[in-house]
Amino acid sequence: MATTRNKVMWQEGMLMRPHHFQQQQRYNDYLDNQRFRAMNDLSWGFTELTLNNELLAQGKIMIDSASGTLPDGTVFSIPDQDALPDPLHPQNFPDERSRNIYLALPVASDVRNEISDGRRIGRYRLNYADVRDLHSEEGDARTLTLGQLTPRIMSGAEDMSAYITLPLCRISDRRRWLPDVG
């Protein structure tokens, strides 16, 4: 059973167990740790980024792993804690903006459902994980419903008004990809 740092999805009517509070503490500790690491280098940005070189050679952009902090303070760790975004296959470049590629996450909202259900894009997707009670003799495990961030890779030509974004790379031409340098 892998340890996860995803946040608990509190729902009305759920039976709360020690696992839920312990998981929430793991999530809070994870956020504190990631923010501390990010503040020592930058206030936001990537602390680690690995793109898939095989797919880059085919003209596709895919993240193998990435961690860091988005401009809104959201920390991410792909794929350790958060969903791996689908690869992006840019077809054409109608203007200069389309050459800029971003890691994007739906903006946090107090007025709409943040959980993706396949029909709509959400900030989180439900993830079920067996979490062990670490503070009792029995140490039994329970399946918890957790929220896993759902980042996307987007082109600058797309409407990103509902997303918080982080520059990922820039396409100089079909044969050459450049990491973002600021």
N, C-alpha and C. Protein backbone atom coordinates (compact mmCIF):
# COMPACT_ATOMS: atom_id res chain seq x y z
N MET A 1 0.85 -1.17 0.00
CA MET A 1 0.00 0.00 0.00
C MET A 1 0.90 1.24 0.00
N ALA A 2 0.82 2.03 -1.04
CA ALA A 2 1.64 3.23 -1.16
C ALA A 2 1.06 4.35 -0.30
N THR A 3 1.95 5.14 0.28
CA THR A 3 1.52 6.29 1.05
C THR A 3 1.23 7.42 0.07
N THR A 4 0.10 8.04 0.23
CA THR A 4 -0.26 9.16 -0.64
C THR A 4 -0.39 10.42 0.19
N ARG A 5 -0.19 11.54 -0.44
CA ARG A 5 -0.29 12.83 0.23
C ARG A 5 -1.50 13.62 -0.26
N ASN A 6 -2.38 13.01 -1.05
CA ASN A 6 -3.55 13.72 -1.57
C ASN A 6 -4.51 14.10 -0.44
N LYS A 7 -5.26 15.19 -0.65
CA LYS A 7 -6.17 15.68 0.38
C LYS A 7 -7.43 14.82 0.46
N VAL A 8 -8.01 14.79 1.63
CA VAL A 8 -9.26 14.08 1.86
C VAL A 8 -10.39 14.87 1.21
N MET A 9 -11.30 14.18 0.56
CA MET A 9 -12.48 14.82 -0.02
C MET A 9 -13.62 14.66 0.99
N TRP A 10 -13.81 15.69 1.81
CA TRP A 10 -14.84 15.66 2.83
C TRP A 10 -16.20 15.75 2.16
N GLN A 11 -17.09 14.80 2.51
CA GLN A 11 -18.42 14.76 1.90
C GLN A 11 -19.46 14.56 2.99
N GLU A 12 -20.62 15.15 2.77
CA GLU A 12 -21.71 15.04 3.73
C GLU A 12 -22.11 13.58 3.91
N GLY A 13 -22.30 13.18 5.15
CA GLY A 13 -22.77 11.83 5.46
C GLY A 13 -21.67 10.79 5.57
N MET A 14 -20.42 11.18 5.36
CA MET A 14 -19.36 10.18 5.42
C MET A 14 -19.05 9.82 6.87
N LEU A 15 -18.67 8.59 7.09
CA LEU A 15 -18.27 8.13 8.41
C LEU A 15 -16.79 8.49 8.59
N MET A 16 -16.53 9.39 9.52
CA MET A 16 -15.15 9.83 9.72
C MET A 16 -14.43 8.86 10.64
N ARG A 17 -13.24 8.53 10.25
CA ARG A 17 -12.37 7.64 11.00
C ARG A 17 -11.04 8.34 11.25
N PRO A 18 -10.22 7.81 12.15
CA PRO A 18 -8.90 8.41 12.37
C PRO A 18 -8.09 8.53 11.08
N HIS A 19 -8.32 7.61 10.16
CA HIS A 19 -7.59 7.63 8.89
C HIS A 19 -7.77 8.97 8.17
N HIS A 20 -9.00 9.49 8.22
CA HIS A 20 -9.29 10.73 7.52
C HIS A 20 -8.45 11.89 8.07
N PHE A 21 -8.39 12.00 9.39
CA PHE A 21 -7.64 13.09 10.01
C PHE A 21 -6.14 12.91 9.81
N GLN A 22 -5.68 11.66 9.88
CA GLN A 22 -4.27 11.40 9.64
C GLN A 22 -3.89 11.73 8.20
N GLN A 23 -4.79 11.38 7.28
CA GLN A 23 -4.53 11.70 5.88
C GLN A 23 -4.52 13.20 5.66
N GLN A 24 -5.44 13.91 6.31
CA GLN A 24 -5.46 15.37 6.17
C GLN A 24 -4.15 15.95 6.70
N GLN A 25 -3.63 15.38 7.78
CA GLN A 25 -2.36 15.87 8.32
C GLN A 25 -1.21 15.59 7.36
N ARG A 26 -1.21 14.41 6.73
CA ARG A 26 -0.17 14.11 5.74
C ARG A 26 -0.23 15.11 4.59
N TYR A 27 -1.44 15.44 4.16
CA TYR A 27 -1.62 16.41 3.09
C TYR A 27 -1.08 17.78 3.50
N ASN A 28 -1.43 18.24 4.71
CA ASN A 28 -0.96 19.55 5.19
C ASN A 28 0.56 19.57 5.32
N ASP A 29 1.14 18.49 5.84
CA ASP A 29 2.60 18.41 5.97
C ASP A 29 3.27 18.45 4.60
N TYR A 30 2.69 17.75 3.65
CA TYR A 30 3.21 17.74 2.28
C TYR A 30 3.19 19.15 1.69
N LEU A 31 2.09 19.87 1.86
CA LEU A 31 2.01 21.24 1.35
C LEU A 31 3.07 22.13 1.98
N ASP A 32 3.21 22.05 3.30
CA ASP A 32 4.21 22.86 3.99
C ASP A 32 5.61 22.57 3.45
N ASN A 33 5.92 21.30 3.27
CA ASN A 33 7.24 20.91 2.79
C ASN A 33 7.49 21.42 1.37
N GLN A 34 6.51 21.25 0.50
CA GLN A 34 6.68 21.69 -0.88
C GLN A 34 6.80 23.21 -0.97
N ARG A 35 6.01 23.92 -0.19
CA ARG A 35 6.09 25.39 -0.22
C ARG A 35 7.43 25.87 0.31
N PHE A 36 7.92 25.23 1.34
CA PHE A 36 9.22 25.60 1.90
C PHE A 36 10.31 25.41 0.85
N ARG A 37 10.29 24.28 0.17
CA ARG A 37 11.28 24.02 -0.88
C ARG A 37 11.19 25.07 -1.99
N ALA A 38 9.98 25.41 -2.36
CA ALA A 38 9.79 26.38 -3.45
C ALA A 38 10.24 27.78 -3.04
N MET A 39 9.99 28.19 -1.80
CA MET A 39 10.36 29.53 -1.35
C MET A 39 11.87 29.70 -1.25
N ASN A 40 12.59 28.61 -1.06
CA ASN A 40 14.04 28.72 -1.00
C ASN A 40 14.65 28.95 -2.37
N ASP A 41 13.98 28.56 -3.41
CA ASP A 41 14.48 28.75 -4.77
C ASP A 41 13.76 29.90 -5.47
N LEU A 42 12.46 29.80 -5.56
CA LEU A 42 11.60 30.79 -6.22
C LEU A 42 10.30 30.86 -5.45
N SER A 43 9.56 31.93 -5.65
CA SER A 43 8.26 31.95 -4.99
C SER A 43 7.28 31.03 -5.70
N TRP A 44 7.47 30.80 -7.02
CA TRP A 44 6.68 29.81 -7.76
C TRP A 44 7.49 29.36 -8.96
N GLY A 45 7.15 28.20 -9.43
CA GLY A 45 7.87 27.64 -10.59
C GLY A 45 8.14 26.16 -10.38
N PHE A 46 8.90 25.61 -11.29
CA PHE A 46 9.27 24.20 -11.21
C PHE A 46 10.47 24.02 -10.30
N THR A 47 10.41 23.03 -9.43
CA THR A 47 11.59 22.61 -8.68
C THR A 47 12.21 21.39 -9.34
N GLU A 48 11.42 20.73 -10.18
CA GLU A 48 11.91 19.58 -10.95
C GLU A 48 11.02 19.43 -12.18
N LEU A 49 11.63 19.15 -13.34
CA LEU A 49 10.87 18.95 -14.57
C LEU A 49 11.63 18.01 -15.49
N THR A 50 10.97 16.94 -15.92
CA THR A 50 11.54 16.01 -16.90
C THR A 50 10.49 15.79 -17.98
N LEU A 51 10.85 16.17 -19.21
CA LEU A 51 9.97 15.92 -20.35
C LEU A 51 10.36 14.60 -21.00
N ASN A 52 9.42 13.97 -21.66
CA ASN A 52 9.65 12.69 -22.33
C ASN A 52 10.36 12.95 -23.67
N ASN A 53 11.64 12.61 -23.74
CA ASN A 53 12.45 12.89 -24.93
C ASN A 53 12.00 12.08 -26.14
N GLU A 54 11.53 10.86 -25.93
CA GLU A 54 11.07 10.05 -27.06
C GLU A 54 9.88 10.70 -27.75
N LEU A 55 8.93 11.19 -26.96
CA LEU A 55 7.77 11.85 -27.56
C LEU A 55 8.12 13.22 -28.13
N LEU A 56 9.09 13.91 -27.52
CA LEU A 56 9.53 15.18 -28.09
C LEU A 56 10.04 14.98 -29.51
N ALA A 57 10.78 13.88 -29.73
CA ALA A 57 11.30 13.57 -31.06
C ALA A 57 10.17 13.33 -32.06
N GLN A 58 8.98 12.96 -31.56
CA GLN A 58 7.82 12.72 -32.42
C GLN A 58 6.93 13.97 -32.54
N GLY A 59 7.36 15.06 -31.92
CA GLY A 59 6.57 16.29 -31.99
C GLY A 59 5.48 16.40 -30.94
N LYS A 60 5.56 15.58 -29.89
CA LYS A 60 4.57 15.62 -28.82
C LYS A 60 5.24 16.07 -27.53
N ILE A 61 4.48 16.73 -26.68
CA ILE A 61 4.99 17.20 -25.40
C ILE A 61 4.33 16.41 -24.29
N MET A 62 5.16 15.72 -23.50
CA MET A 62 4.65 14.93 -22.38
C MET A 62 5.59 15.08 -21.20
N ILE A 63 5.01 15.22 -20.04
CA ILE A 63 5.79 15.32 -18.80
C ILE A 63 6.00 13.91 -18.26
N ASP A 64 7.25 13.57 -17.97
CA ASP A 64 7.54 12.32 -17.27
C ASP A 64 7.41 12.54 -15.77
N SER A 65 7.95 13.67 -15.29
CA SER A 65 7.81 14.02 -13.88
C SER A 65 8.01 15.53 -13.73
N ALA A 66 7.32 16.08 -12.74
CA ALA A 66 7.43 17.51 -12.47
C ALA A 66 6.95 17.79 -11.06
N SER A 67 7.58 18.74 -10.43
CA SER A 67 7.09 19.21 -9.13
C SER A 67 7.38 20.69 -9.03
N GLY A 68 6.63 21.36 -8.18
CA GLY A 68 6.82 22.78 -8.00
C GLY A 68 5.59 23.44 -7.41
N THR A 69 5.51 24.75 -7.62
CA THR A 69 4.42 25.55 -7.09
C THR A 69 3.86 26.44 -8.19
N LEU A 70 2.55 26.43 -8.34
CA LEU A 70 1.88 27.30 -9.31
C LEU A 70 1.79 28.72 -8.75
N PRO A 71 1.56 29.71 -9.60
CA PRO A 71 1.48 31.10 -9.11
C PRO A 71 0.44 31.33 -8.02
N ASP A 72 -0.59 30.49 -7.92
CA ASP A 72 -1.60 30.66 -6.86
C ASP A 72 -1.20 29.96 -5.56
N GLY A 73 0.01 29.37 -5.51
CA GLY A 73 0.48 28.69 -4.31
C GLY A 73 0.19 27.20 -4.27
N THR A 74 -0.51 26.67 -5.26
CA THR A 74 -0.80 25.24 -5.32
C THR A 74 0.49 24.48 -5.61
N VAL A 75 0.79 23.51 -4.76
CA VAL A 75 1.98 22.68 -5.00
C VAL A 75 1.55 21.42 -5.75
N PHE A 76 2.45 20.91 -6.58
CA PHE A 76 2.16 19.72 -7.38
C PHE A 76 3.38 18.82 -7.43
N SER A 77 3.12 17.55 -7.63
CA SER A 77 4.16 16.54 -7.79
C SER A 77 3.61 15.48 -8.73
N ILE A 78 4.06 15.55 -9.98
CA ILE A 78 3.58 14.67 -11.05
C ILE A 78 4.64 13.61 -11.33
N PRO A 79 4.38 12.36 -11.38
CA PRO A 79 3.13 11.67 -11.13
C PRO A 79 3.04 11.12 -9.71
N ASP A 80 3.98 11.50 -8.82
CA ASP A 80 4.00 10.93 -7.47
C ASP A 80 2.69 11.11 -6.73
N GLN A 81 2.13 12.32 -6.78
CA GLN A 81 0.90 12.60 -6.06
C GLN A 81 -0.25 13.02 -6.96
N ASP A 82 0.09 13.62 -8.08
CA ASP A 82 -0.93 14.20 -8.95
C ASP A 82 -0.99 13.48 -10.28
N ALA A 83 -2.11 13.66 -10.97
CA ALA A 83 -2.34 12.97 -12.24
C ALA A 83 -1.34 13.41 -13.29
N LEU A 84 -0.93 12.47 -14.11
CA LEU A 84 -0.04 12.75 -15.23
C LEU A 84 -0.89 13.34 -16.36
N PRO A 85 -0.57 14.55 -16.83
CA PRO A 85 -1.39 15.12 -17.90
C PRO A 85 -1.21 14.38 -19.22
N ASP A 86 -2.24 14.40 -20.04
CA ASP A 86 -2.15 13.80 -21.37
C ASP A 86 -1.12 14.56 -22.19
N PRO A 87 -0.45 13.87 -23.11
CA PRO A 87 0.51 14.56 -23.98
C PRO A 87 -0.20 15.58 -24.88
N LEU A 88 0.53 16.60 -25.27
CA LEU A 88 0.02 17.60 -26.20
C LEU A 88 0.72 17.40 -27.54
N HIS A 89 -0.05 17.38 -28.60
CA HIS A 89 0.51 17.24 -29.95
C HIS A 89 0.13 18.47 -30.76
N PRO A 90 0.93 19.53 -30.66
CA PRO A 90 0.60 20.74 -31.41
C PRO A 90 0.65 20.48 -32.91
N GLN A 91 -0.40 20.85 -33.61
CA GLN A 91 -0.48 20.59 -35.05
C GLN A 91 0.04 21.75 -35.88
N ASN A 92 -0.35 22.95 -35.52
CA ASN A 92 0.10 24.10 -36.29
C ASN A 92 0.26 25.28 -35.35
N PHE A 93 0.85 26.34 -35.87
CA PHE A 93 1.14 27.50 -35.05
C PHE A 93 0.58 28.75 -35.73
N PRO A 94 -0.73 29.01 -35.52
CA PRO A 94 -1.35 30.13 -36.22
C PRO A 94 -0.77 31.49 -35.82
N ASP A 95 -0.25 31.58 -34.62
CA ASP A 95 0.37 32.84 -34.19
C ASP A 95 1.45 32.54 -33.16
N GLU A 96 2.13 33.59 -32.74
CA GLU A 96 3.26 33.45 -31.82
C GLU A 96 2.84 32.84 -30.48
N ARG A 97 1.63 33.18 -30.00
CA ARG A 97 1.16 32.65 -28.70
C ARG A 97 1.08 31.14 -28.69
N SER A 98 0.75 30.54 -29.84
CA SER A 98 0.56 29.09 -29.88
C SER A 98 1.86 28.33 -29.67
N ARG A 99 2.98 29.00 -29.77
CA ARG A 99 4.29 28.35 -29.56
C ARG A 99 4.62 28.22 -28.07
N ASN A 100 3.94 28.98 -27.23
CA ASN A 100 4.16 28.90 -25.79
C ASN A 100 3.31 27.78 -25.22
N ILE A 101 3.95 26.90 -24.46
CA ILE A 101 3.28 25.73 -23.88
C ILE A 101 3.29 25.88 -22.36
N TYR A 102 2.17 25.53 -21.73
CA TYR A 102 2.00 25.74 -20.30
C TYR A 102 1.53 24.48 -19.59
N LEU A 103 1.90 24.36 -18.32
CA LEU A 103 1.26 23.43 -17.41
C LEU A 103 0.09 24.22 -16.83
N ALA A 104 -1.11 23.68 -16.90
CA ALA A 104 -2.31 24.42 -16.49
C ALA A 104 -3.16 23.58 -15.54
N LEU A 105 -3.79 24.26 -14.59
CA LEU A 105 -4.69 23.61 -13.64
C LEU A 105 -5.91 24.51 -13.49
N PRO A 106 -7.13 23.93 -13.52
CA PRO A 106 -8.31 24.77 -13.31
C PRO A 106 -8.19 25.59 -12.02
N VAL A 107 -8.59 26.84 -12.09
CA VAL A 107 -8.52 27.75 -10.95
C VAL A 107 -9.42 27.23 -9.84
N ALA A 108 -8.96 27.37 -8.59
CA ALA A 108 -9.78 26.98 -7.43
C ALA A 108 -11.05 27.82 -7.41
N SER A 109 -12.14 27.19 -7.00
CA SER A 109 -13.44 27.88 -7.03
C SER A 109 -14.23 27.59 -5.77
N ASP A 110 -14.95 28.62 -5.32
CA ASP A 110 -15.86 28.45 -4.19
C ASP A 110 -17.29 28.25 -4.66
N VAL A 111 -17.53 28.35 -5.98
CA VAL A 111 -18.90 28.33 -6.48
C VAL A 111 -19.21 27.17 -7.43
N ARG A 112 -18.23 26.41 -7.84
CA ARG A 112 -18.51 25.28 -8.74
C ARG A 112 -17.80 24.03 -8.24
N ASN A 113 -18.31 22.90 -8.67
CA ASN A 113 -17.73 21.62 -8.29
C ASN A 113 -16.32 21.52 -8.86
N GLU A 114 -15.37 21.15 -8.04
CA GLU A 114 -13.98 21.06 -8.47
C GLU A 114 -13.57 19.65 -8.85
N ILE A 115 -14.51 18.72 -8.82
CA ILE A 115 -14.18 17.32 -9.11
C ILE A 115 -14.54 16.99 -10.55
N SER A 116 -13.56 16.52 -11.30
CA SER A 116 -13.78 16.10 -12.68
C SER A 116 -14.57 14.80 -12.69
N ASP A 117 -15.55 14.74 -13.59
CA ASP A 117 -16.36 13.52 -13.65
C ASP A 117 -16.38 12.92 -15.06
N GLY A 118 -15.47 13.36 -15.91
CA GLY A 118 -15.44 12.84 -17.27
C GLY A 118 -16.21 13.72 -18.24
N ARG A 119 -17.27 14.38 -17.76
CA ARG A 119 -18.05 15.29 -18.61
C ARG A 119 -17.55 16.72 -18.50
N ARG A 120 -16.99 17.06 -17.36
CA ARG A 120 -16.49 18.42 -17.17
C ARG A 120 -15.07 18.35 -16.60
N ILE A 121 -14.34 19.39 -16.88
CA ILE A 121 -12.97 19.48 -16.38
C ILE A 121 -13.03 20.00 -14.96
N GLY A 122 -12.32 19.36 -14.06
CA GLY A 122 -12.27 19.79 -12.67
C GLY A 122 -10.84 19.92 -12.20
N ARG A 123 -10.68 20.57 -11.09
CA ARG A 123 -9.35 20.76 -10.49
C ARG A 123 -8.82 19.43 -9.94
N TYR A 124 -9.75 18.59 -9.49
CA TYR A 124 -9.38 17.30 -8.90
C TYR A 124 -10.10 16.16 -9.60
N ARG A 125 -9.53 14.99 -9.51
CA ARG A 125 -10.25 13.77 -9.86
C ARG A 125 -10.24 12.92 -8.60
N LEU A 126 -11.28 12.12 -8.45
CA LEU A 126 -11.36 11.25 -7.27
C LEU A 126 -10.36 10.12 -7.42
N ASN A 127 -9.71 9.83 -6.33
CA ASN A 127 -8.72 8.77 -6.28
C ASN A 127 -8.98 7.99 -5.00
N TYR A 128 -9.06 6.70 -5.11
CA TYR A 128 -9.34 5.86 -3.94
C TYR A 128 -8.06 5.18 -3.51
N ALA A 129 -7.74 5.31 -2.23
CA ALA A 129 -6.50 4.73 -1.73
C ALA A 129 -6.75 4.07 -0.38
N ASP A 130 -6.12 2.94 -0.17
CA ASP A 130 -6.16 2.28 1.13
C ASP A 130 -5.16 2.98 2.03
N VAL A 131 -5.67 3.50 3.16
CA VAL A 131 -4.84 4.24 4.10
C VAL A 131 -4.90 3.55 5.45
N ARG A 132 -3.74 3.29 6.00
CA ARG A 132 -3.62 2.56 7.26
C ARG A 132 -3.73 3.53 8.45
N ASP A 133 -4.39 3.09 9.51
CA ASP A 133 -4.46 3.83 10.77
C ASP A 133 -3.12 3.59 11.48
N LEU A 134 -2.29 4.61 11.54
CA LEU A 134 -0.95 4.46 12.10
C LEU A 134 -0.89 4.70 13.60
N HIS A 135 -2.03 5.04 14.22
CA HIS A 135 -2.02 5.38 15.63
C HIS A 135 -2.85 4.43 16.50
N SER A 136 -3.14 3.27 15.99
CA SER A 136 -3.85 2.28 16.80
C SER A 136 -3.12 0.95 16.71
N GLU A 137 -3.37 0.09 17.69
CA GLU A 137 -2.71 -1.22 17.69
C GLU A 137 -3.11 -2.06 16.50
N GLU A 138 -4.38 -1.97 16.11
CA GLU A 138 -4.86 -2.79 15.00
C GLU A 138 -4.20 -2.38 13.68
N GLY A 139 -4.01 -1.08 13.50
CA GLY A 139 -3.39 -0.58 12.27
C GLY A 139 -4.16 -0.97 11.02
N ASP A 140 -5.49 -1.03 11.15
CA ASP A 140 -6.29 -1.46 10.00
C ASP A 140 -6.30 -0.39 8.91
N ALA A 141 -6.59 -0.83 7.71
CA ALA A 141 -6.63 0.06 6.55
C ALA A 141 -8.07 0.30 6.13
N ARG A 142 -8.32 1.48 5.63
CA ARG A 142 -9.62 1.86 5.09
C ARG A 142 -9.39 2.51 3.72
N THR A 143 -10.36 2.33 2.86
CA THR A 143 -10.30 2.99 1.56
C THR A 143 -10.88 4.39 1.71
N LEU A 144 -10.07 5.40 1.39
CA LEU A 144 -10.50 6.79 1.47
C LEU A 144 -10.65 7.37 0.07
N THR A 145 -11.55 8.31 -0.06
CA THR A 145 -11.72 9.05 -1.31
C THR A 145 -10.87 10.31 -1.22
N LEU A 146 -9.88 10.40 -2.08
CA LEU A 146 -8.94 11.51 -2.04
C LEU A 146 -9.03 12.30 -3.34
N GLY A 147 -8.58 13.55 -3.28
CA GLY A 147 -8.57 14.39 -4.47
C GLY A 147 -7.18 14.49 -5.05
N GLN A 148 -7.05 14.16 -6.31
CA GLN A 148 -5.77 14.20 -7.01
C GLN A 148 -5.84 15.33 -8.04
N LEU A 149 -4.87 16.26 -8.02
CA LEU A 149 -4.85 17.35 -8.98
C LEU A 149 -4.83 16.82 -10.41
N THR A 150 -5.49 17.54 -11.32
CA THR A 150 -5.58 17.12 -12.72
C THR A 150 -4.99 18.19 -13.64
N PRO A 151 -3.67 18.31 -13.67
CA PRO A 151 -3.07 19.32 -14.54
C PRO A 151 -3.21 18.94 -16.01
N ARG A 152 -3.09 19.94 -16.88
CA ARG A 152 -3.13 19.75 -18.33
C ARG A 152 -1.93 20.45 -18.95
N ILE A 153 -1.56 20.02 -20.12
CA ILE A 153 -0.57 20.73 -20.92
C ILE A 153 -1.36 21.48 -21.99
N MET A 154 -1.17 22.80 -22.07
CA MET A 154 -1.96 23.62 -22.98
C MET A 154 -1.07 24.53 -23.82
N SER A 155 -1.54 24.83 -25.01
CA SER A 155 -0.89 25.78 -25.90
C SER A 155 -1.38 27.18 -25.57
N GLY A 156 -0.53 28.17 -25.77
CA GLY A 156 -0.91 29.56 -25.52
C GLY A 156 -2.06 30.05 -26.38
N ALA A 157 -2.38 29.32 -27.46
CA ALA A 157 -3.49 29.70 -28.33
C ALA A 157 -4.84 29.29 -27.74
N GLU A 158 -4.83 28.41 -26.74
CA GLU A 158 -6.08 27.95 -26.12
C GLU A 158 -6.58 28.97 -25.11
N ASP A 159 -7.88 28.93 -24.82
CA ASP A 159 -8.46 29.80 -23.81
C ASP A 159 -8.05 29.28 -22.43
N MET A 160 -7.22 30.04 -21.74
CA MET A 160 -6.73 29.63 -20.43
C MET A 160 -7.30 30.51 -19.32
N SER A 161 -8.40 31.19 -19.57
CA SER A 161 -8.96 32.12 -18.59
C SER A 161 -9.44 31.42 -17.32
N ALA A 162 -9.76 30.14 -17.38
CA ALA A 162 -10.23 29.40 -16.20
C ALA A 162 -9.12 28.56 -15.58
N TYR A 163 -7.87 28.85 -15.96
CA TYR A 163 -6.73 28.05 -15.49
C TYR A 163 -5.66 28.93 -14.87
N ILE A 164 -4.96 28.36 -13.90
CA ILE A 164 -3.73 28.95 -13.39
C ILE A 164 -2.62 28.24 -14.17
N THR A 165 -1.66 28.99 -14.70
CA THR A 165 -0.68 28.40 -15.61
C THR A 165 0.76 28.65 -15.18
N LEU A 166 1.62 27.78 -15.67
CA LEU A 166 3.05 27.87 -15.43
C LEU A 166 3.74 27.58 -16.76
N PRO A 167 4.59 28.52 -17.26
CA PRO A 167 5.27 28.26 -18.52
C PRO A 167 6.08 26.97 -18.46
N LEU A 168 5.90 26.13 -19.48
CA LEU A 168 6.55 24.82 -19.53
C LEU A 168 7.67 24.80 -20.56
N CYS A 169 7.37 25.21 -21.80
CA CYS A 169 8.39 25.27 -22.85
C CYS A 169 7.88 26.15 -23.98
N ARG A 170 8.76 26.37 -24.94
CA ARG A 170 8.40 27.17 -26.12
C ARG A 170 8.86 26.41 -27.35
N ILE A 171 8.00 26.33 -28.34
CA ILE A 171 8.34 25.65 -29.58
C ILE A 171 9.01 26.66 -30.50
N SER A 172 10.27 26.38 -30.86
CA SER A 172 10.96 27.30 -31.77
C SER A 172 10.67 26.93 -33.22
N ASP A 173 10.58 25.63 -33.51
CA ASP A 173 10.12 25.13 -34.81
C ASP A 173 9.75 23.67 -34.62
N ARG A 174 9.29 23.00 -35.65
CA ARG A 174 8.81 21.63 -35.52
C ARG A 174 9.90 20.65 -35.11
N ARG A 175 11.15 21.03 -35.25
CA ARG A 175 12.25 20.10 -34.93
C ARG A 175 12.96 20.47 -33.64
N ARG A 176 12.58 21.56 -33.01
CA ARG A 176 13.34 22.03 -31.87
C ARG A 176 12.41 22.53 -30.76
N TRP A 177 12.63 22.03 -29.56
CA TRP A 177 11.81 22.41 -28.40
C TRP A 177 12.74 23.04 -27.37
N LEU A 178 12.32 24.13 -26.81
CA LEU A 178 13.14 24.82 -25.83
C LEU A 178 12.42 24.87 -24.49
N PRO A 179 13.12 24.50 -23.40
CA PRO A 179 12.51 24.69 -22.08
C PRO A 179 12.34 26.19 -21.82
N ASP A 180 11.35 26.53 -21.03
CA ASP A 180 11.12 27.93 -20.72
C ASP A 180 12.26 28.44 -19.86
N VAL A 181 12.77 29.61 -20.19
CA VAL A 181 13.86 30.20 -19.43
C VAL A 181 13.43 31.46 -18.70
N GLY A 182 12.16 31.70 -18.63
CA GLY A 182 11.68 32.83 -17.86
C GLY A 182 10.94 33.73 -18.70
